[in-house]
C-alpha cells in the first residue's frame, strides 16, 4: 500500500470502516488534499454484495469445481464485481473532472520499491476512445461454452486493470453488471475475469462496447501488459476483507491485503 505515496494522481478512496481509514492516513504523503477524496461505504448497500448468497449457493453445489478463492470464497467474487460498481460511482460523480477512468489492482506494483521518485500514469499507445482496454493473458477461444468458462475458471483477460473514456466506462459497467446478474441466475459464477470471457462468447452477446486488448512484450509478466504501458492514473477505492481500491484522473480499482 505504501506505493500509494509515490503516485501523483487524483484518488478517491472508499473504505468500510474507520480503522482502515486511519490505516490509510498513516501512509506518508498519501493524502494530498488536492488529490485525495475519502468515502466510507457499506457492503450492505452494494449491488455486488447483494449477490453474495446466490453466489455462495452456486459454489456449494455438489461437484462444482474448487479454484481458491475464485469458486470457494463468495466474498472474493463479490469484491471483484464491486470494483465495477465503485468505478461507476466515481465515473458518475467525476469529482476531479477527468476524461478517463480505470480500475487498477495495487498488486501490479508489488515489485516496486516503496521508496523512489514520484510518478504519474499515462494512456497506453494507440488507445481507442471508443473501447475499453484490458490485458489479454491467453488467446480467446470463441467456441468455448460459458458454462465451461465459469466452472473451470478459464481466463482470457486480466481483470486487474481496465481503462476507458469516462462515458464509455459508464456504458461498459452497465453492460457488465447486467451480464453478471444474468449469469448468476443461470447458476454460473467465478470471478470478474470469467464474466468478461463469457460476455464475449456464444450467440448471445452482452456488450455493445468493444474491448481493446493489449498483449505483453516479453519484458514484463503477461498479466501486467497494460499497466506496463503506463495506462492510467489512480483513485483508491474500497477496502474490504480482500481490500479494493479505485483511482482518480483516469480511475482504478485495487485489491490489496494489509501487510
Protein backbone atom coordinates (compact mmCIF):
# COMPACT_ATOMS: atom_id res chain seq x y z
CA UNK A 1 0.00 0.00 0.00
CA UNK A 2 2.88 2.42 0.63
CA UNK A 3 3.49 2.65 -3.10
CA UNK A 4 0.46 4.98 -2.99
CA UNK A 5 2.70 7.70 -1.60
CA UNK A 6 4.66 7.77 -4.88
CA UNK A 7 1.66 8.10 -7.18
CA UNK A 8 0.91 11.71 -8.06
CA UNK A 9 -2.59 11.34 -9.47
CA UNK A 10 -6.05 12.06 -8.06
CA UNK A 11 -7.57 9.30 -5.99
CA UNK A 12 -10.98 8.65 -4.44
CA UNK A 13 -10.76 6.12 -1.63
CA UNK A 14 -13.68 4.00 -0.43
CA UNK A 15 -13.39 2.27 2.96
CA UNK A 16 -15.66 0.05 5.01
CA UNK A 17 -14.61 1.20 8.47
CA UNK A 18 -12.82 3.89 10.43
CA UNK A 19 -9.91 1.58 11.31
CA UNK A 20 -8.99 1.16 7.65
CA UNK A 21 -9.36 4.89 7.04
CA UNK A 22 -6.93 5.56 9.89
CA UNK A 23 -4.51 2.96 8.48
CA UNK A 24 -4.59 4.58 5.06
CA UNK A 25 -3.96 8.01 6.52
CA UNK A 26 -0.73 6.76 8.08
CA UNK A 27 0.82 6.26 4.64
CA UNK A 28 3.33 9.12 4.20
CA UNK A 29 2.14 11.76 1.78
CA UNK A 30 -0.74 9.54 0.68
CA UNK A 31 -3.36 12.20 1.17
CA UNK A 32 -2.51 15.49 -0.56
CA UNK A 33 -5.74 17.43 -0.18
CA UNK A 34 -5.99 18.37 -3.83
CA UNK A 35 -5.59 14.75 -5.00
CA UNK A 36 -7.50 12.67 -2.46
CA UNK A 37 -11.11 12.10 -1.53
CA UNK A 38 -12.21 9.55 1.09
CA UNK A 39 -15.66 7.97 1.20
CA UNK A 40 -16.99 5.37 3.61
CA UNK A 41 -19.05 2.58 2.06
CA UNK A 42 -21.10 -0.29 3.45
CA UNK A 43 -21.10 -3.63 1.66
CA UNK A 44 -24.76 -3.96 2.67
CA UNK A 45 -25.53 -1.13 0.24
CA UNK A 46 -23.57 -2.54 -2.69
CA UNK A 47 -25.13 -4.34 -5.65
CA UNK A 48 -22.21 -6.79 -5.72
CA UNK A 49 -22.71 -7.99 -2.15
CA UNK A 50 -26.44 -8.42 -2.69
CA UNK A 51 -25.34 -11.33 -4.89
CA UNK A 52 -23.39 -12.96 -2.06
CA UNK A 53 -25.93 -15.61 -1.01
CA UNK A 54 -26.73 -16.80 -4.52
CA UNK A 55 -23.00 -16.94 -5.35
CA UNK A 56 -22.41 -18.97 -2.16
CA UNK A 57 -25.17 -21.36 -3.22
CA UNK A 58 -23.53 -21.78 -6.64
CA UNK A 59 -20.15 -22.54 -5.09
CA UNK A 60 -21.58 -25.15 -2.69
CA UNK A 61 -23.26 -27.17 -5.43
CA UNK A 62 -22.12 -30.81 -5.49
CA UNK A 63 -19.18 -31.28 -7.86
CA UNK A 64 -18.85 -27.55 -8.58
CA UNK A 65 -15.06 -27.23 -9.22
CA UNK A 66 -12.99 -25.59 -6.48
CA UNK A 67 -10.47 -22.94 -7.53
CA UNK A 68 -9.42 -20.98 -4.47
CA UNK A 69 -10.54 -18.27 -3.90
CA UNK A 70 -12.46 -17.78 -7.17
CA UNK A 71 -15.05 -20.54 -6.73
CA UNK A 72 -14.65 -21.07 -2.98
CA UNK A 73 -14.98 -17.68 -1.26
CA UNK A 74 -18.18 -15.86 -2.30
CA UNK A 75 -16.94 -12.60 -0.77
CA UNK A 76 -13.95 -12.67 -3.12
CA UNK A 77 -16.25 -12.91 -6.11
CA UNK A 78 -18.34 -10.05 -4.70
CA UNK A 79 -15.27 -7.85 -4.32
CA UNK A 80 -14.31 -8.49 -7.94
CA UNK A 81 -17.77 -7.33 -9.02
CA UNK A 82 -17.81 -4.41 -6.58
CA UNK A 83 -14.84 -2.75 -8.26
CA UNK A 84 -17.02 -2.17 -11.33
CA UNK A 85 -19.79 -0.70 -9.24
CA UNK A 86 -17.41 1.67 -7.46
CA UNK A 87 -15.68 2.70 -10.68
CA UNK A 88 -19.16 3.50 -11.97
CA UNK A 89 -19.83 5.70 -8.95
CA UNK A 90 -16.58 7.59 -9.45
CA UNK A 91 -17.28 7.99 -13.17
CA UNK A 92 -20.73 9.42 -12.49
CA UNK A 93 -19.57 11.82 -9.78
CA UNK A 94 -16.40 12.81 -11.68
CA UNK A 95 -15.11 14.80 -8.73
CA UNK A 96 -11.77 15.50 -10.42
CA UNK A 97 -13.24 16.35 -13.84
CA UNK A 98 -11.26 13.66 -15.66
CA UNK A 99 -11.77 12.30 -19.17
CA UNK A 100 -10.63 8.77 -18.45
CA UNK A 101 -11.23 6.27 -15.70
CA UNK A 102 -9.58 2.92 -14.92
CA UNK A 103 -9.55 0.05 -12.48
CA UNK A 104 -6.14 -0.89 -11.14
CA UNK A 105 -5.03 -3.67 -8.78
CA UNK A 106 -2.35 -2.22 -6.50
CA UNK A 107 -0.68 -5.64 -6.59
CA UNK A 108 0.60 -4.70 -10.05
CA UNK A 109 3.18 -2.60 -8.22
CA UNK A 110 4.26 -5.41 -5.88
CA UNK A 111 7.81 -5.48 -7.23
CA UNK A 112 8.32 -1.73 -6.98
CA UNK A 113 10.12 -0.20 -4.03
CA UNK A 114 8.12 1.92 -1.62
CA UNK A 115 10.98 4.39 -1.85
CA UNK A 116 11.77 6.25 -5.02
CA UNK A 117 10.66 9.06 -7.26
CA UNK A 118 7.03 10.08 -7.55
CA UNK A 119 5.32 9.21 -10.82
CA UNK A 120 2.11 9.67 -12.77
CA UNK A 121 0.45 7.32 -15.22
CA UNK A 122 -0.50 7.84 -18.87
CA UNK A 123 -2.64 6.42 -21.65
CA UNK A 124 -1.20 3.41 -23.50
CA UNK A 125 -0.15 3.63 -27.13
CA UNK A 126 -2.89 3.51 -29.79
CA UNK A 127 -5.64 3.72 -27.21
CA UNK A 128 -9.11 3.83 -28.82
CA UNK A 129 -11.52 6.18 -27.05
CA UNK A 130 -14.49 4.13 -28.25
CA UNK A 131 -13.32 0.97 -26.46
CA UNK A 132 -12.46 -0.36 -23.02
CA UNK A 133 -8.87 -1.63 -22.70
CA UNK A 134 -7.74 -4.82 -20.97
CA UNK A 135 -4.64 -7.01 -20.91
CA UNK A 136 -5.07 -10.27 -22.84
CA UNK A 137 -3.39 -13.14 -20.99
CA UNK A 138 -4.47 -16.05 -23.21
CA UNK A 139 -6.00 -16.24 -26.68
CA UNK A 140 -9.80 -16.25 -26.67
CA UNK A 141 -11.47 -19.44 -27.86
CA UNK A 142 -14.76 -18.26 -29.34
CA UNK A 143 -16.19 -21.79 -29.29
CA UNK A 144 -15.74 -22.20 -25.53
CA UNK A 145 -19.08 -22.58 -23.73
CA UNK A 146 -19.95 -20.10 -20.99
CA UNK A 147 -20.57 -22.91 -18.50
CA UNK A 148 -17.08 -24.27 -19.14
CA UNK A 149 -15.52 -20.82 -18.68
CA UNK A 150 -17.08 -20.40 -15.23
CA UNK A 151 -16.74 -23.95 -13.95
CA UNK A 152 -13.10 -24.27 -14.92
CA UNK A 153 -12.06 -20.71 -14.06
CA UNK A 154 -10.69 -20.04 -17.57
CA UNK A 155 -9.15 -16.65 -18.30
CA UNK A 156 -8.95 -14.54 -21.42
CA UNK A 157 -8.42 -11.08 -19.95
CA UNK A 158 -6.77 -9.80 -16.80
CA UNK A 159 -9.33 -8.03 -14.62
CA UNK A 160 -6.69 -6.27 -12.53
CA UNK A 161 -6.52 -3.29 -14.88
CA UNK A 162 -9.02 -1.81 -17.33
CA UNK A 163 -9.34 1.65 -18.82
CA UNK A 164 -11.89 3.67 -20.78
CA UNK A 165 -13.13 7.12 -21.59
CA UNK A 166 -15.45 8.11 -18.75
CA UNK A 167 -18.64 7.96 -20.85
CA UNK A 168 -17.58 4.62 -22.35
CA UNK A 169 -16.80 3.22 -18.89
CA UNK A 170 -20.28 4.19 -17.75
CA UNK A 171 -21.85 2.14 -20.56
CA UNK A 172 -19.39 -0.71 -20.11
CA UNK A 173 -20.09 -1.12 -16.40
CA UNK A 174 -23.84 -1.17 -17.03
CA UNK A 175 -23.28 -3.98 -19.53
CA UNK A 176 -21.00 -5.84 -17.12
CA UNK A 177 -23.49 -5.62 -14.25
CA UNK A 178 -26.36 -6.81 -16.45
CA UNK A 179 -24.28 -9.77 -17.64
CA UNK A 180 -23.28 -10.68 -14.08
CA UNK A 181 -26.91 -10.65 -12.94
CA UNK A 182 -27.80 -12.90 -15.88
CA UNK A 183 -25.03 -15.41 -15.21
CA UNK A 184 -25.78 -15.83 -11.50
CA UNK A 185 -29.41 -16.51 -12.37
CA UNK A 186 -28.16 -19.25 -14.69
CA UNK A 187 -26.19 -20.67 -11.72
CA UNK A 188 -22.78 -19.78 -13.14
CA UNK A 189 -20.16 -17.72 -11.33
CA UNK A 190 -16.45 -17.40 -10.68
CA UNK A 191 -14.64 -14.02 -10.77
CA UNK A 192 -15.00 -10.97 -12.99
CA UNK A 193 -12.49 -12.44 -15.45
CA UNK A 194 -14.86 -15.28 -16.31
CA UNK A 195 -17.74 -12.83 -16.67
CA UNK A 196 -15.66 -10.90 -19.21
CA UNK A 197 -14.87 -14.05 -21.18
CA UNK A 198 -18.47 -15.25 -21.16
CA UNK A 199 -19.73 -11.82 -22.25
CA UNK A 200 -17.75 -12.19 -25.48
CA UNK A 201 -18.56 -15.84 -26.22
CA UNK A 202 -21.64 -17.56 -27.59
CA UNK A 203 -24.55 -16.39 -29.70
CA UNK A 204 -25.92 -14.08 -27.01
CA UNK A 205 -23.60 -11.09 -26.72
CA UNK A 206 -23.79 -8.98 -23.59
CA UNK A 207 -21.95 -5.84 -24.63
CA UNK A 208 -22.04 -3.12 -27.24
CA UNK A 209 -18.81 -1.56 -26.02
CA UNK A 210 -15.87 -3.23 -27.77
CA UNK A 211 -12.79 -4.46 -25.91
CA UNK A 212 -9.30 -3.33 -26.93
CA UNK A 213 -6.68 -5.85 -25.85
CA UNK A 214 -3.01 -5.32 -25.06
CA UNK A 215 -0.51 -8.18 -25.00
CA UNK A 216 2.80 -8.46 -23.19
CA UNK A 217 6.07 -7.73 -24.97
CA UNK A 218 8.04 -10.38 -23.11
CA UNK A 219 9.74 -7.80 -20.89
CA UNK A 220 7.06 -7.93 -18.20
CA UNK A 221 4.74 -10.51 -16.73
CA UNK A 222 1.93 -11.06 -19.26
CA UNK A 223 -0.65 -10.08 -16.63
CA UNK A 224 0.96 -6.64 -16.35
CA UNK A 225 0.99 -5.73 -20.07
CA UNK A 226 -1.48 -2.84 -20.00
CA UNK A 227 -0.14 -1.47 -16.72
CA UNK A 228 3.39 -1.72 -18.10
CA UNK A 229 2.17 0.50 -20.91
CA UNK A 230 1.54 3.02 -18.12
CA UNK A 231 -2.07 3.41 -18.99
CA UNK A 232 -3.78 5.28 -16.17
CA UNK A 233 -3.97 7.42 -13.08
CA UNK A 234 -5.36 6.29 -9.80
CA UNK A 235 -8.25 6.72 -7.42
CA UNK A 236 -8.13 4.50 -4.42
CA UNK A 237 -11.27 2.65 -3.72
CA UNK A 238 -12.85 0.42 -1.15
CA UNK A 239 -11.09 -1.65 1.47
CA UNK A 240 -12.76 -4.87 2.32
CA UNK A 241 -11.73 -8.25 3.66
CA UNK A 242 -9.78 -8.54 0.43
CA UNK A 243 -9.40 -4.77 0.03
CA UNK A 244 -10.44 -2.90 -3.03
CA UNK A 245 -9.07 0.36 -4.20
CA UNK A 246 -10.02 2.63 -7.10
CA UNK A 247 -8.35 5.65 -8.58
CA UNK A 248 -8.71 9.07 -10.00
CA UNK A 249 -7.81 11.05 -13.11
CA UNK A 250 -8.12 8.02 -15.15
CA UNK A 251 -9.53 5.86 -12.38
CA UNK A 252 -8.69 2.48 -10.94
CA UNK A 253 -9.69 -0.26 -8.53
CA UNK A 254 -7.12 -2.09 -6.46
CA UNK A 255 -7.26 -5.32 -4.46
CA UNK A 256 -4.75 -5.40 -1.66
CA UNK A 257 -4.10 -7.10 1.62
CA UNK A 258 -2.67 -5.27 4.57
CA UNK A 259 0.90 -6.39 5.24
